[in-house]
Amino acid sequence: MLPHLNALDLFANPPRVAVPVHYVFGQNDALNPPDLVNRLPAAIGAPATTVTLVPDGGHMVHFDHSDVVRSVLVKA
């Protein structure tokens, strides 16, 4: 990774949104590990949030497991 990305803190100034947010991440995502992903819902001010961690999914879970991502969107 680029060195300046190590200093990036996405929790320093989190967004506040007025719509539900659905996070879908791969459980094996090296850039967004599960401990970081699980902190996201509390960090933003959304009226509702869900987090789906896809087993065997990586950083490109929307390509590798598009059926799972699609199922989350259909339920929304």
PDB file of N, CA and C in Angstrom:
ATOM      1  N   MET A   1       0.836  -1.194   0.000  1.00  0.00           N
ATOM      2  CA  MET A   1       0.000   0.000   0.000  1.00  0.00           C
ATOM      3  C   MET A   1       0.873   1.247   0.000  1.00  0.00           C
ATOM      4  N   LEU A   2       0.291   2.304  -0.414  1.00  0.00           N
ATOM      5  CA  LEU A   2       0.992   3.579  -0.380  1.00  0.00           C
ATOM      6  C   LEU A   2       1.131   4.043   1.058  1.00  0.00           C
ATOM      7  N   PRO A   3       2.297   4.566   1.423  1.00  0.00           N
ATOM      8  CA  PRO A   3       2.528   4.955   2.823  1.00  0.00           C
ATOM      9  C   PRO A   3       1.504   5.943   3.382  1.00  0.00           C
ATOM     10  N   HIS A   4       1.053   6.895   2.585  1.00  0.00           N
ATOM     11  CA  HIS A   4       0.111   7.889   3.123  1.00  0.00           C
ATOM     12  C   HIS A   4      -1.262   7.284   3.433  1.00  0.00           C
ATOM     13  N   LEU A   5      -1.575   6.129   2.886  1.00  0.00           N
ATOM     14  CA  LEU A   5      -2.849   5.478   3.214  1.00  0.00           C
ATOM     15  C   LEU A   5      -2.847   4.918   4.635  1.00  0.00           C
ATOM     16  N   ASN A   6      -1.675   4.590   5.150  1.00  0.00           N
ATOM     17  CA  ASN A   6      -1.596   4.079   6.516  1.00  0.00           C
ATOM     18  C   ASN A   6      -2.077   5.107   7.528  1.00  0.00           C
ATOM     19  N   ALA A   7      -1.932   6.380   7.217  1.00  0.00           N
ATOM     20  CA  ALA A   7      -2.334   7.439   8.139  1.00  0.00           C
ATOM     21  C   ALA A   7      -3.802   7.834   7.966  1.00  0.00           C
ATOM     22  N   LEU A   8      -4.478   7.314   6.967  1.00  0.00           N
ATOM     23  CA  LEU A   8      -5.871   7.658   6.716  1.00  0.00           C
ATOM     24  C   LEU A   8      -6.758   7.106   7.826  1.00  0.00           C
ATOM     25  N   ASP A   9      -7.504   7.988   8.482  1.00  0.00           N
ATOM     26  CA  ASP A   9      -8.399   7.589   9.563  1.00  0.00           C
ATOM     27  C   ASP A   9      -9.834   7.894   9.152  1.00  0.00           C
ATOM     28  N   LEU A  10     -10.542   6.881   8.709  1.00  0.00           N
ATOM     29  CA  LEU A  10     -11.915   7.066   8.258  1.00  0.00           C
ATOM     30  C   LEU A  10     -12.877   7.372   9.404  1.00  0.00           C
ATOM     31  N   PHE A  11     -12.436   7.185  10.616  1.00  0.00           N
ATOM     32  CA  PHE A  11     -13.287   7.450  11.775  1.00  0.00           C
ATOM     33  C   PHE A  11     -13.076   8.839  12.369  1.00  0.00           C
ATOM     34  N   ALA A  12     -12.133   9.589  11.842  1.00  0.00           N
ATOM     35  CA  ALA A  12     -11.840  10.916  12.383  1.00  0.00           C
ATOM     36  C   ALA A  12     -12.991  11.890  12.166  1.00  0.00           C
ATOM     37  N   ASN A  13     -13.637  11.829  11.021  1.00  0.00           N
ATOM     38  CA  ASN A  13     -14.741  12.728  10.706  1.00  0.00           C
ATOM     39  C   ASN A  13     -15.798  11.940   9.926  1.00  0.00           C
ATOM     40  N   PRO A  14     -16.519  11.049  10.604  1.00  0.00           N
ATOM     41  CA  PRO A  14     -17.448  10.170   9.893  1.00  0.00           C
ATOM     42  C   PRO A  14     -18.649  10.933   9.332  1.00  0.00           C
ATOM     43  N   PRO A  15     -19.202  10.434   8.242  1.00  0.00           N
ATOM     44  CA  PRO A  15     -20.363  11.092   7.661  1.00  0.00           C
ATOM     45  C   PRO A  15     -21.620  10.836   8.494  1.00  0.00           C
ATOM     46  N   ARG A  16     -22.570  11.708   8.365  1.00  0.00           N
ATOM     47  CA  ARG A  16     -23.894  11.522   8.961  1.00  0.00           C
ATOM     48  C   ARG A  16     -24.868  11.443   7.802  1.00  0.00           C
ATOM     49  N   VAL A  17     -25.620  10.380   7.745  1.00  0.00           N
ATOM     50  CA  VAL A  17     -26.531  10.177   6.626  1.00  0.00           C
ATOM     51  C   VAL A  17     -27.953   9.962   7.134  1.00  0.00           C
ATOM     52  N   ALA A  18     -28.914  10.236   6.281  1.00  0.00           N
ATOM     53  CA  ALA A  18     -30.327  10.141   6.666  1.00  0.00           C
ATOM     54  C   ALA A  18     -31.017   8.925   6.055  1.00  0.00           C
ATOM     55  N   VAL A  19     -30.245   8.019   5.474  1.00  0.00           N
ATOM     56  CA  VAL A  19     -30.815   6.827   4.847  1.00  0.00           C
ATOM     57  C   VAL A  19     -30.178   5.581   5.453  1.00  0.00           C
ATOM     58  N   PRO A  20     -30.851   4.448   5.380  1.00  0.00           N
ATOM     59  CA  PRO A  20     -30.246   3.206   5.875  1.00  0.00           C
ATOM     60  C   PRO A  20     -28.974   2.871   5.089  1.00  0.00           C
ATOM     61  N   VAL A  21     -28.021   2.256   5.765  1.00  0.00           N
ATOM     62  CA  VAL A  21     -26.748   1.880   5.148  1.00  0.00           C
ATOM     63  C   VAL A  21     -26.556   0.376   5.324  1.00  0.00           C
ATOM     64  N   HIS A  22     -26.213  -0.288   4.233  1.00  0.00           N
ATOM     65  CA  HIS A  22     -25.970  -1.724   4.258  1.00  0.00           C
ATOM     66  C   HIS A  22     -24.531  -1.974   3.825  1.00  0.00           C
ATOM     67  N   TYR A  23     -23.718  -2.458   4.746  1.00  0.00           N
ATOM     68  CA  TYR A  23     -22.319  -2.768   4.451  1.00  0.00           C
ATOM     69  C   TYR A  23     -22.200  -4.234   4.061  1.00  0.00           C
ATOM     70  N   VAL A  24     -21.478  -4.497   2.992  1.00  0.00           N
ATOM     71  CA  VAL A  24     -21.195  -5.872   2.588  1.00  0.00           C
ATOM     72  C   VAL A  24     -19.697  -5.952   2.316  1.00  0.00           C
ATOM     73  N   PHE A  25     -19.011  -6.755   3.112  1.00  0.00           N
ATOM     74  CA  PHE A  25     -17.567  -6.909   2.978  1.00  0.00           C
ATOM     75  C   PHE A  25     -17.223  -8.389   2.970  1.00  0.00           C
ATOM     76  N   GLY A  26     -16.114  -8.698   2.352  1.00  0.00           N
ATOM     77  CA  GLY A  26     -15.590 -10.053   2.410  1.00  0.00           C
ATOM     78  C   GLY A  26     -14.872 -10.278   3.727  1.00  0.00           C
ATOM     79  N   GLN A  27     -15.077 -11.411   4.326  1.00  0.00           N
ATOM     80  CA  GLN A  27     -14.447 -11.708   5.616  1.00  0.00           C
ATOM     81  C   GLN A  27     -12.926 -11.761   5.508  1.00  0.00           C
ATOM     82  N   ASN A  28     -12.402 -12.016   4.314  1.00  0.00           N
ATOM     83  CA  ASN A  28     -10.955 -12.085   4.109  1.00  0.00           C
ATOM     84  C   ASN A  28     -10.411 -10.836   3.421  1.00  0.00           C
ATOM     85  N   ASP A  29     -11.120  -9.738   3.515  1.00  0.00           N
ATOM     86  CA  ASP A  29     -10.694  -8.478   2.898  1.00  0.00           C
ATOM     87  C   ASP A  29      -9.479  -7.942   3.661  1.00  0.00           C
ATOM     88  N   ALA A  30      -8.335  -7.900   3.005  1.00  0.00           N
ATOM     89  CA  ALA A  30      -7.095  -7.445   3.656  1.00  0.00           C
ATOM     90  C   ALA A  30      -7.106  -5.939   3.909  1.00  0.00           C
ATOM     91  N   LEU A  31      -7.863  -5.179   3.131  1.00  0.00           N
ATOM     92  CA  LEU A  31      -7.906  -3.726   3.311  1.00  0.00           C
ATOM     93  C   LEU A  31      -8.944  -3.294   4.335  1.00  0.00           C
ATOM     94  N   ASN A  32      -9.959  -4.109   4.542  1.00  0.00           N
ATOM     95  CA  ASN A  32     -11.036  -3.790   5.484  1.00  0.00           C
ATOM     96  C   ASN A  32     -11.300  -5.004   6.365  1.00  0.00           C
ATOM     97  N   PRO A  33     -10.467  -5.219   7.380  1.00  0.00           N
ATOM     98  CA  PRO A  33     -10.636  -6.396   8.238  1.00  0.00           C
ATOM     99  C   PRO A  33     -11.940  -6.315   9.039  1.00  0.00           C
ATOM    100  N   PRO A  34     -12.469  -7.472   9.456  1.00  0.00           N
ATOM    101  CA  PRO A  34     -13.743  -7.500  10.170  1.00  0.00           C
ATOM    102  C   PRO A  34     -13.821  -6.587  11.387  1.00  0.00           C
ATOM    103  N   ASP A  35     -12.747  -6.425  12.155  1.00  0.00           N
ATOM    104  CA  ASP A  35     -12.818  -5.540  13.322  1.00  0.00           C
ATOM    105  C   ASP A  35     -13.072  -4.095  12.913  1.00  0.00           C
ATOM    106  N   LEU A  36     -12.542  -3.659  11.798  1.00  0.00           N
ATOM    107  CA  LEU A  36     -12.810  -2.313  11.288  1.00  0.00           C
ATOM    108  C   LEU A  36     -14.242  -2.232  10.765  1.00  0.00           C
ATOM    109  N   VAL A  37     -14.659  -3.215  10.000  1.00  0.00           N
ATOM    110  CA  VAL A  37     -16.000  -3.230   9.418  1.00  0.00           C
ATOM    111  C   VAL A  37     -17.067  -3.183  10.511  1.00  0.00           C
ATOM    112  N   ASN A  38     -16.866  -3.908  11.579  1.00  0.00           N
ATOM    113  CA  ASN A  38     -17.856  -3.946  12.656  1.00  0.00           C
ATOM    114  C   ASN A  38     -17.954  -2.634  13.424  1.00  0.00           C
ATOM    115  N   ARG A  39     -16.968  -1.770  13.295  1.00  0.00           N
ATOM    116  CA  ARG A  39     -17.007  -0.446  13.936  1.00  0.00           C
ATOM    117  C   ARG A  39     -17.766   0.580  13.097  1.00  0.00           C
ATOM    118  N   LEU A  40     -17.964   0.313  11.819  1.00  0.00           N
ATOM    119  CA  LEU A  40     -18.583   1.289  10.921  1.00  0.00           C
ATOM    120  C   LEU A  40     -19.994   1.715  11.318  1.00  0.00           C
ATOM    121  N   PRO A  41     -20.903   0.794  11.650  1.00  0.00           N
ATOM    122  CA  PRO A  41     -22.270   1.235  11.955  1.00  0.00           C
ATOM    123  C   PRO A  41     -22.358   2.255  13.080  1.00  0.00           C
ATOM    124  N   ALA A  42     -21.566   2.092  14.115  1.00  0.00           N
ATOM    125  CA  ALA A  42     -21.601   3.035  15.229  1.00  0.00           C
ATOM    126  C   ALA A  42     -20.952   4.369  14.875  1.00  0.00           C
ATOM    127  N   ALA A  43     -20.083   4.355  13.898  1.00  0.00           N
ATOM    128  CA  ALA A  43     -19.343   5.569  13.545  1.00  0.00           C
ATOM    129  C   ALA A  43     -20.177   6.567  12.745  1.00  0.00           C
ATOM    130  N   ILE A  44     -21.117   6.067  11.943  1.00  0.00           N
ATOM    131  CA  ILE A  44     -21.924   6.990  11.151  1.00  0.00           C
ATOM    132  C   ILE A  44     -23.290   7.149  11.805  1.00  0.00           C
ATOM    133  N   GLY A  45     -23.917   8.245  11.526  1.00  0.00           N
ATOM    134  CA  GLY A  45     -25.236   8.498  12.092  1.00  0.00           C
ATOM    135  C   GLY A  45     -26.324   8.127  11.110  1.00  0.00           C
ATOM    136  N   ALA A  46     -26.544   6.853  10.904  1.00  0.00           N
ATOM    137  CA  ALA A  46     -27.593   6.394   9.989  1.00  0.00           C
ATOM    138  C   ALA A  46     -28.784   5.891  10.794  1.00  0.00           C
ATOM    139  N   PRO A  47     -29.988   6.024  10.243  1.00  0.00           N
ATOM    140  CA  PRO A  47     -31.166   5.550  10.972  1.00  0.00           C
ATOM    141  C   PRO A  47     -31.199   4.032  11.130  1.00  0.00           C
ATOM    142  N   ALA A  48     -30.522   3.314  10.244  1.00  0.00           N
ATOM    143  CA  ALA A  48     -30.426   1.856  10.343  1.00  0.00           C
ATOM    144  C   ALA A  48     -29.190   1.407   9.591  1.00  0.00           C
ATOM    145  N   THR A  49     -28.538   0.371  10.103  1.00  0.00           N
ATOM    146  CA  THR A  49     -27.367  -0.180   9.426  1.00  0.00           C
ATOM    147  C   THR A  49     -27.388  -1.697   9.554  1.00  0.00           C
ATOM    148  N   THR A  50     -26.806  -2.338   8.564  1.00  0.00           N
ATOM    149  CA  THR A  50     -26.552  -3.775   8.636  1.00  0.00           C
ATOM    150  C   THR A  50     -25.130  -4.012   8.157  1.00  0.00           C
ATOM    151  N   VAL A  51     -24.530  -5.071   8.645  1.00  0.00           N
ATOM    152  CA  VAL A  51     -23.202  -5.475   8.206  1.00  0.00           C
ATOM    153  C   VAL A  51     -23.276  -6.948   7.813  1.00  0.00           C
ATOM    154  N   THR A  52     -22.885  -7.229   6.600  1.00  0.00           N
ATOM    155  CA  THR A  52     -22.806  -8.602   6.127  1.00  0.00           C
ATOM    156  C   THR A  52     -21.351  -8.895   5.799  1.00  0.00           C
ATOM    157  N   LEU A  53     -20.773  -9.870   6.497  1.00  0.00           N
ATOM    158  CA  LEU A  53     -19.428 -10.344   6.199  1.00  0.00           C
ATOM    159  C   LEU A  53     -19.566 -11.648   5.425  1.00  0.00           C
ATOM    160  N   VAL A  54     -19.107 -11.646   4.201  1.00  0.00           N
ATOM    161  CA  VAL A  54     -19.253 -12.806   3.322  1.00  0.00           C
ATOM    162  C   VAL A  54     -18.084 -13.772   3.542  1.00  0.00           C
ATOM    163  N   PRO A  55     -18.380 -14.998   4.006  1.00  0.00           N
ATOM    164  CA  PRO A  55     -17.314 -15.983   4.177  1.00  0.00           C
ATOM    165  C   PRO A  55     -16.594 -16.228   2.851  1.00  0.00           C
ATOM    166  N   ASP A  56     -15.304 -16.400   2.919  1.00  0.00           N
ATOM    167  CA  ASP A  56     -14.470 -16.644   1.735  1.00  0.00           C
ATOM    168  C   ASP A  56     -14.458 -15.472   0.762  1.00  0.00           C
ATOM    169  N   GLY A  57     -14.962 -14.330   1.170  1.00  0.00           N
ATOM    170  CA  GLY A  57     -14.943 -13.151   0.310  1.00  0.00           C
ATOM    171  C   GLY A  57     -13.721 -12.308   0.595  1.00  0.00           C
ATOM    172  N   GLY A  58     -13.219 -11.670  -0.427  1.00  0.00           N
ATOM    173  CA  GLY A  58     -12.076 -10.779  -0.283  1.00  0.00           C
ATOM    174  C   GLY A  58     -12.483  -9.338  -0.510  1.00  0.00           C
ATOM    175  N   HIS A  59     -11.535  -8.526  -0.946  1.00  0.00           N
ATOM    176  CA  HIS A  59     -11.787  -7.100  -1.143  1.00  0.00           C
ATOM    177  C   HIS A  59     -12.764  -6.842  -2.293  1.00  0.00           C
ATOM    178  N   MET A  60     -12.823  -7.720  -3.259  1.00  0.00           N
ATOM    179  CA  MET A  60     -13.703  -7.544  -4.409  1.00  0.00           C
ATOM    180  C   MET A  60     -14.943  -8.428  -4.285  1.00  0.00           C
ATOM    181  N   VAL A  61     -15.532  -8.443  -3.097  1.00  0.00           N
ATOM    182  CA  VAL A  61     -16.658  -9.334  -2.818  1.00  0.00           C
ATOM    183  C   VAL A  61     -17.826  -9.085  -3.764  1.00  0.00           C
ATOM    184  N   HIS A  62     -18.001  -7.862  -4.219  1.00  0.00           N
ATOM    185  CA  HIS A  62     -19.124  -7.569  -5.126  1.00  0.00           C
ATOM    186  C   HIS A  62     -18.954  -8.249  -6.485  1.00  0.00           C
ATOM    187  N   PHE A  63     -17.715  -8.618  -6.836  1.00  0.00           N
ATOM    188  CA  PHE A  63     -17.479  -9.398  -8.051  1.00  0.00           C
ATOM    189  C   PHE A  63     -17.464 -10.897  -7.750  1.00  0.00           C
ATOM    190  N   ASP A  64     -16.758 -11.268  -6.676  1.00  0.00           N
ATOM    191  CA  ASP A  64     -16.570 -12.683  -6.347  1.00  0.00           C
ATOM    192  C   ASP A  64     -17.837 -13.362  -5.828  1.00  0.00           C
ATOM    193  N   HIS A  65     -18.662 -12.603  -5.132  1.00  0.00           N
ATOM    194  CA  HIS A  65     -19.893 -13.152  -4.540  1.00  0.00           C
ATOM    195  C   HIS A  65     -21.058 -12.203  -4.828  1.00  0.00           C
ATOM    196  N   SER A  66     -21.242 -11.898  -6.082  1.00  0.00           N
ATOM    197  CA  SER A  66     -22.276 -10.923  -6.467  1.00  0.00           C
ATOM    198  C   SER A  66     -23.673 -11.378  -6.048  1.00  0.00           C
ATOM    199  N   ASP A  67     -23.905 -12.667  -5.959  1.00  0.00           N
ATOM    200  CA  ASP A  67     -25.216 -13.153  -5.540  1.00  0.00           C
ATOM    201  C   ASP A  67     -25.535 -12.744  -4.108  1.00  0.00           C
ATOM    202  N   VAL A  68     -24.543 -12.766  -3.232  1.00  0.00           N
ATOM    203  CA  VAL A  68     -24.747 -12.359  -1.843  1.00  0.00           C
ATOM    204  C   VAL A  68     -24.999 -10.857  -1.774  1.00  0.00           C
ATOM    205  N   VAL A  69     -24.201 -10.090  -2.474  1.00  0.00           N
ATOM    206  CA  VAL A  69     -24.375  -8.632  -2.493  1.00  0.00           C
ATOM    207  C   VAL A  69     -25.751  -8.286  -3.048  1.00  0.00           C
ATOM    208  N   ARG A  70     -26.143  -8.921  -4.111  1.00  0.00           N
ATOM    209  CA  ARG A  70     -27.449  -8.688  -4.726  1.00  0.00           C
ATOM    210  C   ARG A  70     -28.578  -9.025  -3.740  1.00  0.00           C
ATOM    211  N   SER A  71     -28.433 -10.109  -2.978  1.00  0.00           N
ATOM    212  CA  SER A  71     -29.487 -10.495  -2.031  1.00  0.00           C
ATOM    213  C   SER A  71     -29.663  -9.449  -0.931  1.00  0.00           C
ATOM    214  N   VAL A  72     -28.577  -8.806  -0.515  1.00  0.00           N
ATOM    215  CA  VAL A  72     -28.682  -7.741   0.486  1.00  0.00           C
ATOM    216  C   VAL A  72     -29.430  -6.552  -0.092  1.00  0.00           C
ATOM    217  N   LEU A  73     -29.143  -6.217  -1.345  1.00  0.00           N
ATOM    218  CA  LEU A  73     -29.815  -5.091  -1.979  1.00  0.00           C
ATOM    219  C   LEU A  73     -31.295  -5.357  -2.206  1.00  0.00           C
ATOM    220  N   VAL A  74     -31.632  -6.573  -2.546  1.00  0.00           N
ATOM    221  CA  VAL A  74     -33.034  -6.925  -2.803  1.00  0.00           C
ATOM    222  C   VAL A  74     -33.854  -6.822  -1.513  1.00  0.00           C
ATOM    223  N   LYS A  75     -33.251  -7.168  -0.383  1.00  0.00           N
ATOM    224  CA  LYS A  75     -33.944  -7.108   0.902  1.00  0.00           C
ATOM    225  C   LYS A  75     -34.149  -5.670   1.383  1.00  0.00           C
ATOM    226  N   ALA A  76     -33.346  -4.741   0.884  1.00  0.00           N
ATOM    227  CA  ALA A  76     -33.371  -3.357   1.382  1.00  0.00           C
ATOM    228  C   ALA A  76     -34.625  -2.635   0.994  1.00  0.00           C
TER     229      ALA A  76
END
